[in-house]
Amino acid sequence: MTTDLDFITDTDLRKKIENSIEYVFVLFEKSKNEKEKDLFREETHRVIILYIISIIEAVLLYVYKKRNEELTKLEYKFVTTIPNEYKNEKEKDFPVVIAVQKKIKKQDHEIGLFELVNFFKDKKLMMEKTVEKILEINDIRNTFHFNKSRSSVICDIKHVESAFSLLVYVIEKVPKVFKK
């Protein structure tokens, strides 16, 4: 797989992505070995998908930052509890407060894949179908959480090939969305 990552001017990030792509291809080739146990192959597929989604997320975050976009969150400052006689009808056991509500820019570490792909979709920079595919593959990645059930999520060679195709697609399309 040859992809042009020259649009990533952050040389450290580009090198990490290139190394990760090289690594997942080595894993992919090893996972095709029929002599390996099924568990090894499935877990290797899961690792490949973890890396691919992480690469896609890194690329999208990079573009988001290069475009000087801004995702925000609400922050509440100067929170003051008002007297107990003021109660919310639905939540009578909790105090009512007054606060200053302020929108602030989210830090990079606060922005996840789900939010990024939906942000690009809302900006009409990513098609709904692409968002769905990314989030579908991300659901497989999320099976790495040990408290999540893996029984309903199969991680096979078809998913890995689909993830690779998606990675190539994203890397090819992303440079076109740099300009605001």
N, C-alpha and C. Protein backbone atom coordinates (compact mmCIF):
# COMPACT_ATOMS: atom_id res chain seq x y z
N MET A 1 0.85 -1.18 0.00
CA MET A 1 0.00 0.00 0.00
C MET A 1 0.89 1.23 0.00
N THR A 2 0.75 2.03 -1.00
CA THR A 2 1.49 3.29 -1.02
C THR A 2 0.49 4.42 -0.95
N THR A 3 0.69 5.28 0.01
CA THR A 3 -0.17 6.44 0.17
C THR A 3 0.71 7.66 0.28
N ASP A 4 0.18 8.76 -0.13
CA ASP A 4 0.92 10.00 -0.08
C ASP A 4 0.51 10.77 1.16
N LEU A 5 1.38 10.79 2.13
CA LEU A 5 1.12 11.49 3.38
C LEU A 5 1.82 12.84 3.43
N ASP A 6 2.27 13.34 2.28
CA ASP A 6 3.00 14.61 2.24
C ASP A 6 2.18 15.78 2.75
N PHE A 7 0.86 15.67 2.72
CA PHE A 7 0.03 16.76 3.23
C PHE A 7 0.21 16.95 4.73
N ILE A 8 0.75 15.94 5.42
CA ILE A 8 1.01 16.05 6.85
C ILE A 8 2.41 16.66 7.01
N THR A 9 2.44 17.94 7.31
CA THR A 9 3.71 18.64 7.40
C THR A 9 4.41 18.45 8.74
N ASP A 10 3.68 17.94 9.71
CA ASP A 10 4.28 17.58 11.00
C ASP A 10 5.06 16.28 10.77
N THR A 11 6.38 16.41 10.65
CA THR A 11 7.20 15.25 10.27
C THR A 11 7.15 14.13 11.30
N ASP A 12 7.06 14.48 12.58
CA ASP A 12 6.97 13.43 13.61
C ASP A 12 5.67 12.64 13.47
N LEU A 13 4.57 13.34 13.30
CA LEU A 13 3.28 12.67 13.13
C LEU A 13 3.28 11.83 11.85
N ARG A 14 3.78 12.39 10.76
CA ARG A 14 3.82 11.64 9.50
C ARG A 14 4.63 10.36 9.66
N LYS A 15 5.78 10.44 10.32
CA LYS A 15 6.63 9.26 10.53
C LYS A 15 5.92 8.22 11.39
N LYS A 16 5.23 8.65 12.45
CA LYS A 16 4.48 7.71 13.29
C LYS A 16 3.41 7.00 12.47
N ILE A 17 2.73 7.75 11.62
CA ILE A 17 1.68 7.15 10.79
C ILE A 17 2.29 6.18 9.78
N GLU A 18 3.36 6.58 9.14
CA GLU A 18 4.03 5.69 8.18
C GLU A 18 4.49 4.41 8.86
N ASN A 19 5.10 4.53 10.04
CA ASN A 19 5.56 3.35 10.77
C ASN A 19 4.39 2.46 11.17
N SER A 20 3.30 3.07 11.57
CA SER A 20 2.12 2.31 11.97
C SER A 20 1.52 1.57 10.78
N ILE A 21 1.48 2.22 9.63
CA ILE A 21 0.96 1.56 8.42
C ILE A 21 1.85 0.37 8.06
N GLU A 22 3.16 0.58 8.13
CA GLU A 22 4.09 -0.52 7.84
C GLU A 22 3.88 -1.67 8.82
N TYR A 23 3.71 -1.34 10.09
CA TYR A 23 3.51 -2.35 11.13
C TYR A 23 2.23 -3.16 10.87
N VAL A 24 1.13 -2.48 10.55
CA VAL A 24 -0.12 -3.22 10.36
C VAL A 24 -0.05 -4.12 9.12
N PHE A 25 0.72 -3.73 8.13
CA PHE A 25 0.88 -4.62 6.98
C PHE A 25 1.66 -5.87 7.33
N VAL A 26 2.66 -5.72 8.17
CA VAL A 26 3.40 -6.90 8.63
C VAL A 26 2.46 -7.81 9.42
N LEU A 27 1.68 -7.22 10.31
CA LEU A 27 0.70 -8.01 11.07
C LEU A 27 -0.30 -8.69 10.14
N PHE A 28 -0.75 -7.96 9.15
CA PHE A 28 -1.73 -8.49 8.20
C PHE A 28 -1.17 -9.73 7.49
N GLU A 29 0.05 -9.64 7.02
CA GLU A 29 0.67 -10.79 6.34
C GLU A 29 0.80 -11.97 7.30
N LYS A 30 1.19 -11.69 8.53
CA LYS A 30 1.34 -12.77 9.52
C LYS A 30 -0.02 -13.39 9.84
N SER A 31 -1.05 -12.60 9.86
CA SER A 31 -2.38 -13.11 10.21
C SER A 31 -2.97 -14.02 9.14
N LYS A 32 -2.41 -13.97 7.96
CA LYS A 32 -2.91 -14.82 6.87
C LYS A 32 -2.34 -16.24 6.94
N ASN A 33 -1.40 -16.45 7.83
CA ASN A 33 -0.78 -17.76 7.98
C ASN A 33 -1.78 -18.74 8.58
N GLU A 34 -2.17 -19.71 7.81
CA GLU A 34 -3.16 -20.71 8.24
C GLU A 34 -2.66 -21.56 9.40
N LYS A 35 -1.35 -21.60 9.61
CA LYS A 35 -0.80 -22.40 10.71
C LYS A 35 -1.02 -21.74 12.07
N GLU A 36 -1.33 -20.45 12.06
CA GLU A 36 -1.56 -19.74 13.32
C GLU A 36 -2.94 -20.13 13.87
N LYS A 37 -3.06 -20.08 15.18
CA LYS A 37 -4.33 -20.40 15.82
C LYS A 37 -5.37 -19.34 15.47
N ASP A 38 -6.63 -19.75 15.49
CA ASP A 38 -7.72 -18.83 15.20
C ASP A 38 -7.72 -17.64 16.13
N LEU A 39 -7.46 -17.89 17.42
CA LEU A 39 -7.43 -16.80 18.39
C LEU A 39 -6.34 -15.79 18.03
N PHE A 40 -5.16 -16.28 17.65
CA PHE A 40 -4.08 -15.37 17.26
C PHE A 40 -4.51 -14.52 16.08
N ARG A 41 -5.11 -15.14 15.08
CA ARG A 41 -5.51 -14.39 13.88
C ARG A 41 -6.58 -13.35 14.21
N GLU A 42 -7.56 -13.77 15.00
CA GLU A 42 -8.62 -12.81 15.33
C GLU A 42 -8.08 -11.65 16.16
N GLU A 43 -7.24 -11.92 17.13
CA GLU A 43 -6.68 -10.84 17.95
C GLU A 43 -5.74 -9.96 17.13
N THR A 44 -5.03 -10.55 16.18
CA THR A 44 -4.18 -9.75 15.31
C THR A 44 -5.03 -8.84 14.44
N HIS A 45 -6.15 -9.35 13.95
CA HIS A 45 -7.08 -8.51 13.18
C HIS A 45 -7.58 -7.35 14.03
N ARG A 46 -7.87 -7.65 15.28
CA ARG A 46 -8.35 -6.61 16.20
C ARG A 46 -7.27 -5.53 16.39
N VAL A 47 -6.01 -5.92 16.51
CA VAL A 47 -4.89 -4.97 16.65
C VAL A 47 -4.77 -4.12 15.39
N ILE A 48 -4.88 -4.75 14.25
CA ILE A 48 -4.80 -4.02 12.97
C ILE A 48 -5.89 -2.96 12.92
N ILE A 49 -7.09 -3.34 13.28
CA ILE A 49 -8.20 -2.39 13.25
C ILE A 49 -7.98 -1.27 14.26
N LEU A 50 -7.46 -1.61 15.41
CA LEU A 50 -7.13 -0.58 16.40
C LEU A 50 -6.18 0.45 15.80
N TYR A 51 -5.15 -0.02 15.16
CA TYR A 51 -4.18 0.88 14.54
C TYR A 51 -4.80 1.69 13.41
N ILE A 52 -5.56 1.05 12.56
CA ILE A 52 -6.14 1.76 11.41
C ILE A 52 -7.06 2.87 11.87
N ILE A 53 -7.92 2.58 12.82
CA ILE A 53 -8.83 3.62 13.31
C ILE A 53 -8.04 4.72 14.01
N SER A 54 -6.99 4.36 14.72
CA SER A 54 -6.15 5.37 15.37
C SER A 54 -5.47 6.26 14.34
N ILE A 55 -5.06 5.68 13.23
CA ILE A 55 -4.45 6.47 12.15
C ILE A 55 -5.48 7.41 11.54
N ILE A 56 -6.66 6.89 11.26
CA ILE A 56 -7.73 7.73 10.69
C ILE A 56 -8.04 8.89 11.64
N GLU A 57 -8.14 8.58 12.92
CA GLU A 57 -8.42 9.62 13.91
C GLU A 57 -7.32 10.67 13.94
N ALA A 58 -6.06 10.24 13.89
CA ALA A 58 -4.93 11.18 13.89
C ALA A 58 -4.94 12.07 12.65
N VAL A 59 -5.25 11.49 11.50
CA VAL A 59 -5.30 12.25 10.25
C VAL A 59 -6.43 13.29 10.33
N LEU A 60 -7.60 12.87 10.79
CA LEU A 60 -8.72 13.80 10.88
C LEU A 60 -8.46 14.91 11.89
N LEU A 61 -7.86 14.57 13.01
CA LEU A 61 -7.53 15.60 14.00
C LEU A 61 -6.50 16.58 13.44
N TYR A 62 -5.54 16.06 12.69
CA TYR A 62 -4.54 16.92 12.07
C TYR A 62 -5.20 17.92 11.12
N VAL A 63 -6.10 17.44 10.28
CA VAL A 63 -6.80 18.32 9.33
C VAL A 63 -7.66 19.33 10.08
N TYR A 64 -8.36 18.87 11.09
CA TYR A 64 -9.19 19.75 11.91
C TYR A 64 -8.33 20.91 12.45
N LYS A 65 -7.15 20.59 12.99
CA LYS A 65 -6.29 21.62 13.54
C LYS A 65 -5.73 22.53 12.45
N LYS A 66 -5.36 21.97 11.31
CA LYS A 66 -4.81 22.77 10.22
C LYS A 66 -5.85 23.74 9.66
N ARG A 67 -7.10 23.35 9.72
CA ARG A 67 -8.17 24.22 9.23
C ARG A 67 -8.55 25.29 10.26
N ASN A 68 -7.92 25.23 11.42
CA ASN A 68 -8.23 26.16 12.50
C ASN A 68 -9.72 26.12 12.87
N GLU A 69 -10.24 24.92 12.90
CA GLU A 69 -11.64 24.74 13.28
C GLU A 69 -11.74 24.79 14.80
N GLU A 70 -12.97 24.85 15.28
CA GLU A 70 -13.14 24.96 16.72
C GLU A 70 -14.37 24.18 17.17
N LEU A 71 -14.14 23.12 17.89
CA LEU A 71 -15.20 22.42 18.59
C LEU A 71 -15.23 22.98 20.00
N THR A 72 -16.43 23.19 20.50
CA THR A 72 -16.54 23.82 21.81
C THR A 72 -17.30 22.93 22.79
N LYS A 73 -17.18 23.31 24.03
CA LYS A 73 -17.96 22.67 25.09
C LYS A 73 -18.45 23.78 26.01
N LEU A 74 -19.47 23.46 26.77
CA LEU A 74 -19.98 24.43 27.72
C LEU A 74 -19.27 24.26 29.06
N GLU A 75 -18.85 25.36 29.60
CA GLU A 75 -18.23 25.36 30.91
C GLU A 75 -19.07 26.26 31.81
N TYR A 76 -19.23 25.84 33.04
CA TYR A 76 -20.03 26.61 34.00
C TYR A 76 -19.10 27.22 35.04
N LYS A 77 -19.15 28.54 35.14
CA LYS A 77 -18.29 29.28 36.07
C LYS A 77 -19.15 29.97 37.12
N PHE A 78 -18.55 30.23 38.24
CA PHE A 78 -19.20 31.00 39.30
C PHE A 78 -20.54 30.37 39.71
N VAL A 79 -20.52 29.08 39.95
CA VAL A 79 -21.72 28.34 40.32
C VAL A 79 -22.14 28.74 41.74
N THR A 80 -23.41 29.11 41.86
CA THR A 80 -23.95 29.53 43.15
C THR A 80 -25.25 28.77 43.41
N THR A 81 -25.35 28.18 44.57
CA THR A 81 -26.58 27.48 44.96
C THR A 81 -27.58 28.51 45.47
N ILE A 82 -28.81 28.40 44.98
CA ILE A 82 -29.83 29.33 45.45
C ILE A 82 -30.56 28.70 46.64
N PRO A 83 -31.29 29.48 47.40
CA PRO A 83 -31.93 28.96 48.63
C PRO A 83 -32.76 27.70 48.39
N ASN A 84 -32.85 26.86 49.43
CA ASN A 84 -33.52 25.55 49.37
C ASN A 84 -34.99 25.62 48.99
N GLU A 85 -35.66 26.74 49.23
CA GLU A 85 -37.08 26.80 48.89
C GLU A 85 -37.33 26.76 47.38
N TYR A 86 -36.29 26.99 46.59
CA TYR A 86 -36.42 26.87 45.14
C TYR A 86 -36.04 25.45 44.75
N LYS A 87 -37.00 24.72 44.26
CA LYS A 87 -36.78 23.31 43.90
C LYS A 87 -37.18 23.08 42.45
N ASN A 88 -36.51 22.15 41.83
CA ASN A 88 -36.92 21.69 40.51
C ASN A 88 -37.99 20.62 40.73
N GLU A 89 -39.08 20.71 39.98
CA GLU A 89 -40.19 19.78 40.19
C GLU A 89 -39.80 18.32 39.96
N LYS A 90 -38.92 18.07 39.01
CA LYS A 90 -38.54 16.69 38.69
C LYS A 90 -37.39 16.18 39.55
N GLU A 91 -36.58 17.05 40.05
CA GLU A 91 -35.41 16.67 40.85
C GLU A 91 -35.43 17.41 42.19
N LYS A 92 -36.42 17.15 42.99
CA LYS A 92 -36.64 17.88 44.24
C LYS A 92 -35.52 17.68 45.27
N ASP A 93 -34.78 16.59 45.19
CA ASP A 93 -33.74 16.30 46.19
C ASP A 93 -32.40 16.96 45.88
N PHE A 94 -32.34 17.69 44.80
CA PHE A 94 -31.06 18.29 44.41
C PHE A 94 -31.17 19.81 44.44
N PRO A 95 -30.07 20.47 44.79
CA PRO A 95 -30.11 21.93 44.85
C PRO A 95 -30.19 22.54 43.44
N VAL A 96 -30.75 23.72 43.39
CA VAL A 96 -30.81 24.50 42.16
C VAL A 96 -29.68 25.51 42.21
N VAL A 97 -29.00 25.67 41.07
CA VAL A 97 -27.86 26.58 41.04
C VAL A 97 -28.01 27.60 39.92
N ILE A 98 -27.26 28.66 40.06
CA ILE A 98 -27.13 29.67 39.01
C ILE A 98 -25.65 29.68 38.65
N ALA A 99 -25.37 29.77 37.35
CA ALA A 99 -23.96 29.79 36.92
C ALA A 99 -23.83 30.60 35.64
N VAL A 100 -22.62 30.99 35.37
CA VAL A 100 -22.31 31.63 34.09
C VAL A 100 -21.91 30.52 33.13
N GLN A 101 -22.60 30.48 32.00
CA GLN A 101 -22.36 29.45 30.99
C GLN A 101 -21.50 30.07 29.90
N LYS A 102 -20.37 29.39 29.63
CA LYS A 102 -19.42 29.93 28.66
C LYS A 102 -18.99 28.83 27.71
N LYS A 103 -18.95 29.13 26.41
CA LYS A 103 -18.43 28.18 25.43
C LYS A 103 -16.92 28.34 25.37
N ILE A 104 -16.22 27.21 25.48
CA ILE A 104 -14.77 27.24 25.35
C ILE A 104 -14.33 26.19 24.35
N LYS A 105 -13.20 26.46 23.72
CA LYS A 105 -12.66 25.53 22.73
C LYS A 105 -12.20 24.26 23.43
N LYS A 106 -12.55 23.12 22.82
CA LYS A 106 -12.10 21.84 23.36
C LYS A 106 -10.61 21.65 23.07
N GLN A 107 -9.93 21.04 24.01
CA GLN A 107 -8.54 20.67 23.81
C GLN A 107 -8.50 19.42 22.94
N ASP A 108 -7.38 19.19 22.26
CA ASP A 108 -7.24 18.05 21.36
C ASP A 108 -7.61 16.73 22.04
N HIS A 109 -7.16 16.55 23.28
CA HIS A 109 -7.40 15.28 23.98
C HIS A 109 -8.88 15.09 24.35
N GLU A 110 -9.68 16.12 24.21
CA GLU A 110 -11.12 16.03 24.51
C GLU A 110 -11.95 15.68 23.28
N ILE A 111 -11.30 15.62 22.13
CA ILE A 111 -12.01 15.39 20.87
C ILE A 111 -11.82 13.95 20.45
N GLY A 112 -12.91 13.22 20.35
CA GLY A 112 -12.85 11.81 19.96
C GLY A 112 -13.24 11.60 18.50
N LEU A 113 -13.09 10.39 18.06
CA LEU A 113 -13.37 10.05 16.67
C LEU A 113 -14.82 10.34 16.29
N PHE A 114 -15.75 9.93 17.13
CA PHE A 114 -17.17 10.13 16.85
C PHE A 114 -17.46 11.62 16.60
N GLU A 115 -16.91 12.46 17.46
CA GLU A 115 -17.13 13.89 17.31
C GLU A 115 -16.46 14.44 16.06
N LEU A 116 -15.26 13.96 15.76
CA LEU A 116 -14.54 14.42 14.57
C LEU A 116 -15.28 14.09 13.28
N VAL A 117 -15.69 12.82 13.13
CA VAL A 117 -16.34 12.45 11.87
C VAL A 117 -17.67 13.17 11.71
N ASN A 118 -18.39 13.37 12.80
CA ASN A 118 -19.65 14.10 12.71
C ASN A 118 -19.42 15.58 12.44
N PHE A 119 -18.35 16.12 12.96
CA PHE A 119 -17.98 17.50 12.67
C PHE A 119 -17.72 17.67 11.17
N PHE A 120 -16.92 16.75 10.60
CA PHE A 120 -16.62 16.82 9.16
C PHE A 120 -17.87 16.59 8.32
N LYS A 121 -18.75 15.71 8.78
CA LYS A 121 -20.01 15.48 8.07
C LYS A 121 -20.87 16.75 8.10
N ASP A 122 -20.99 17.37 9.26
CA ASP A 122 -21.79 18.59 9.39
C ASP A 122 -21.24 19.73 8.53
N LYS A 123 -19.94 19.75 8.35
CA LYS A 123 -19.29 20.77 7.51
C LYS A 123 -19.37 20.41 6.02
N LYS A 124 -19.99 19.27 5.74
CA LYS A 124 -20.13 18.76 4.36
C LYS A 124 -18.76 18.43 3.75
N LEU A 125 -17.84 17.97 4.60
CA LEU A 125 -16.50 17.58 4.16
C LEU A 125 -16.33 16.07 4.15
N MET A 126 -17.34 15.37 4.66
CA MET A 126 -17.31 13.91 4.68
C MET A 126 -18.72 13.41 4.46
N MET A 127 -18.82 12.40 3.60
CA MET A 127 -20.13 11.85 3.30
C MET A 127 -20.64 11.00 4.46
N GLU A 128 -21.94 10.95 4.58
CA GLU A 128 -22.61 10.15 5.63
C GLU A 128 -22.16 8.69 5.56
N LYS A 129 -22.02 8.16 4.35
CA LYS A 129 -21.63 6.76 4.17
C LYS A 129 -20.22 6.52 4.74
N THR A 130 -19.33 7.46 4.53
CA THR A 130 -17.96 7.34 5.06
C THR A 130 -17.98 7.39 6.58
N VAL A 131 -18.78 8.28 7.13
CA VAL A 131 -18.92 8.37 8.59
C VAL A 131 -19.41 7.02 9.14
N GLU A 132 -20.42 6.46 8.50
CA GLU A 132 -20.97 5.18 8.96
C GLU A 132 -19.91 4.08 8.92
N LYS A 133 -19.13 4.03 7.84
CA LYS A 133 -18.09 3.01 7.73
C LYS A 133 -17.02 3.18 8.81
N ILE A 134 -16.62 4.41 9.04
CA ILE A 134 -15.59 4.65 10.07
C ILE A 134 -16.12 4.23 11.44
N LEU A 135 -17.35 4.61 11.74
CA LEU A 135 -17.91 4.28 13.05
C LEU A 135 -18.18 2.78 13.19
N GLU A 136 -18.48 2.12 12.09
CA GLU A 136 -18.67 0.66 12.12
C GLU A 136 -17.34 -0.04 12.47
N ILE A 137 -16.27 0.39 11.82
CA ILE A 137 -14.95 -0.19 12.12
C ILE A 137 -14.53 0.21 13.54
N ASN A 138 -14.89 1.41 13.96
CA ASN A 138 -14.57 1.84 15.32
C ASN A 138 -15.27 0.96 16.36
N ASP A 139 -16.46 0.49 16.06
CA ASP A 139 -17.16 -0.42 16.97
C ASP A 139 -16.35 -1.69 17.20
N ILE A 140 -15.68 -2.15 16.15
CA ILE A 140 -14.82 -3.33 16.29
C ILE A 140 -13.62 -2.97 17.16
N ARG A 141 -13.05 -1.78 16.93
CA ARG A 141 -11.92 -1.35 17.76
C ARG A 141 -12.33 -1.32 19.23
N ASN A 142 -13.54 -0.89 19.49
CA ASN A 142 -13.99 -0.75 20.88
C ASN A 142 -14.11 -2.09 21.61
N THR A 143 -14.03 -3.20 20.89
CA THR A 143 -14.05 -4.50 21.56
C THR A 143 -12.74 -4.76 22.30
N PHE A 144 -11.78 -3.86 22.16
CA PHE A 144 -10.56 -3.97 22.94
C PHE A 144 -10.82 -3.70 24.41
N HIS A 145 -11.88 -2.98 24.70
CA HIS A 145 -12.25 -2.75 26.09
C HIS A 145 -12.73 -4.09 26.65
N PHE A 146 -12.08 -4.56 27.66
CA PHE A 146 -12.38 -5.89 28.19
C PHE A 146 -13.78 -6.01 28.77
N ASN A 147 -14.36 -4.91 29.16
CA ASN A 147 -15.71 -4.98 29.71
C ASN A 147 -16.79 -4.97 28.63
N LYS A 148 -16.38 -4.87 27.37
CA LYS A 148 -17.33 -4.93 26.25
C LYS A 148 -17.43 -6.37 25.77
N SER A 149 -18.62 -6.74 25.39
CA SER A 149 -18.82 -8.09 24.87
C SER A 149 -18.22 -8.19 23.47
N ARG A 150 -17.56 -9.29 23.23
CA ARG A 150 -17.00 -9.55 21.90
C ARG A 150 -17.83 -10.58 21.15
N SER A 151 -18.79 -11.17 21.82
CA SER A 151 -19.53 -12.29 21.23
C SER A 151 -20.29 -11.90 19.97
N SER A 152 -20.79 -10.68 19.89
CA SER A 152 -21.57 -10.29 18.72
C SER A 152 -20.73 -9.61 17.64
N VAL A 153 -19.45 -9.39 17.92
CA VAL A 153 -18.60 -8.69 16.97
C VAL A 153 -17.50 -9.62 16.48
N ILE A 154 -17.62 -9.99 15.24
CA ILE A 154 -16.60 -10.84 14.63
C ILE A 154 -15.54 -9.93 14.01
N CYS A 155 -14.31 -10.28 14.21
CA CYS A 155 -13.21 -9.51 13.65
C CYS A 155 -12.43 -10.43 12.73
N ASP A 156 -12.78 -10.37 11.46
CA ASP A 156 -12.16 -11.29 10.51
C ASP A 156 -11.43 -10.53 9.41
N ILE A 157 -10.91 -11.28 8.47
CA ILE A 157 -10.10 -10.72 7.39
C ILE A 157 -10.90 -9.73 6.55
N LYS A 158 -12.20 -9.96 6.39
CA LYS A 158 -13.05 -9.04 5.62
C LYS A 158 -13.09 -7.66 6.29
N HIS A 159 -13.20 -7.65 7.61
CA HIS A 159 -13.21 -6.38 8.33
C HIS A 159 -11.87 -5.66 8.19
N VAL A 160 -10.80 -6.42 8.25
CA VAL A 160 -9.47 -5.83 8.11
C VAL A 160 -9.29 -5.24 6.71
N GLU A 161 -9.69 -5.97 5.70
CA GLU A 161 -9.58 -5.47 4.33
C GLU A 161 -10.45 -4.23 4.13
N SER A 162 -11.62 -4.23 4.72
CA SER A 162 -12.50 -3.07 4.66
C SER A 162 -11.86 -1.87 5.36
N ALA A 163 -11.23 -2.13 6.50
CA ALA A 163 -10.56 -1.06 7.25
C ALA A 163 -9.39 -0.48 6.44
N PHE A 164 -8.62 -1.35 5.80
CA PHE A 164 -7.52 -0.88 4.94
C PHE A 164 -8.05 -0.01 3.81
N SER A 165 -9.11 -0.45 3.17
CA SER A 165 -9.72 0.33 2.08
C SER A 165 -10.17 1.70 2.58
N LEU A 166 -10.76 1.70 3.73
CA LEU A 166 -11.23 2.95 4.33
C LEU A 166 -10.06 3.88 4.64
N LEU A 167 -8.98 3.32 5.15
CA LEU A 167 -7.79 4.12 5.44
C LEU A 167 -7.25 4.77 4.17
N VAL A 168 -7.13 3.99 3.12
CA VAL A 168 -6.63 4.52 1.85
C VAL A 168 -7.56 5.63 1.35
N TYR A 169 -8.85 5.38 1.43
CA TYR A 169 -9.84 6.37 0.98
C TYR A 169 -9.69 7.68 1.76
N VAL A 170 -9.61 7.60 3.08
CA VAL A 170 -9.49 8.80 3.90
C VAL A 170 -8.20 9.55 3.57
N ILE A 171 -7.09 8.84 3.47
CA ILE A 171 -5.82 9.50 3.18
C ILE A 171 -5.84 10.16 1.80
N GLU A 172 -6.50 9.55 0.84
CA GLU A 172 -6.59 10.14 -0.50
C GLU A 172 -7.51 11.36 -0.52
N LYS A 173 -8.60 11.35 0.23
CA LYS A 173 -9.58 12.43 0.19
C LYS A 173 -9.25 13.60 1.09
N VAL A 174 -8.58 13.36 2.19
CA VAL A 174 -8.35 14.38 3.21
C VAL A 174 -7.64 15.64 2.70
N PRO A 175 -6.62 15.55 1.87
CA PRO A 175 -5.95 16.79 1.46
C PRO A 175 -6.88 17.80 0.79
N LYS A 176 -7.98 17.34 0.25
CA LYS A 176 -8.92 18.23 -0.44
C LYS A 176 -9.72 19.10 0.51
N VAL A 177 -9.72 18.78 1.80
CA VAL A 177 -10.53 19.53 2.75
C VAL A 177 -9.72 20.52 3.58
N PHE A 178 -8.48 20.78 3.17
CA PHE A 178 -7.65 21.68 3.94
C PHE A 178 -8.13 23.12 3.91
N LYS A 179 -8.62 23.55 2.79
CA LYS A 179 -9.04 24.96 2.67
C LYS A 179 -10.41 25.16 3.28
N LYS A 180 -10.55 26.24 4.02
CA LYS A 180 -11.84 26.58 4.62
C LYS A 180 -12.74 27.21 3.58
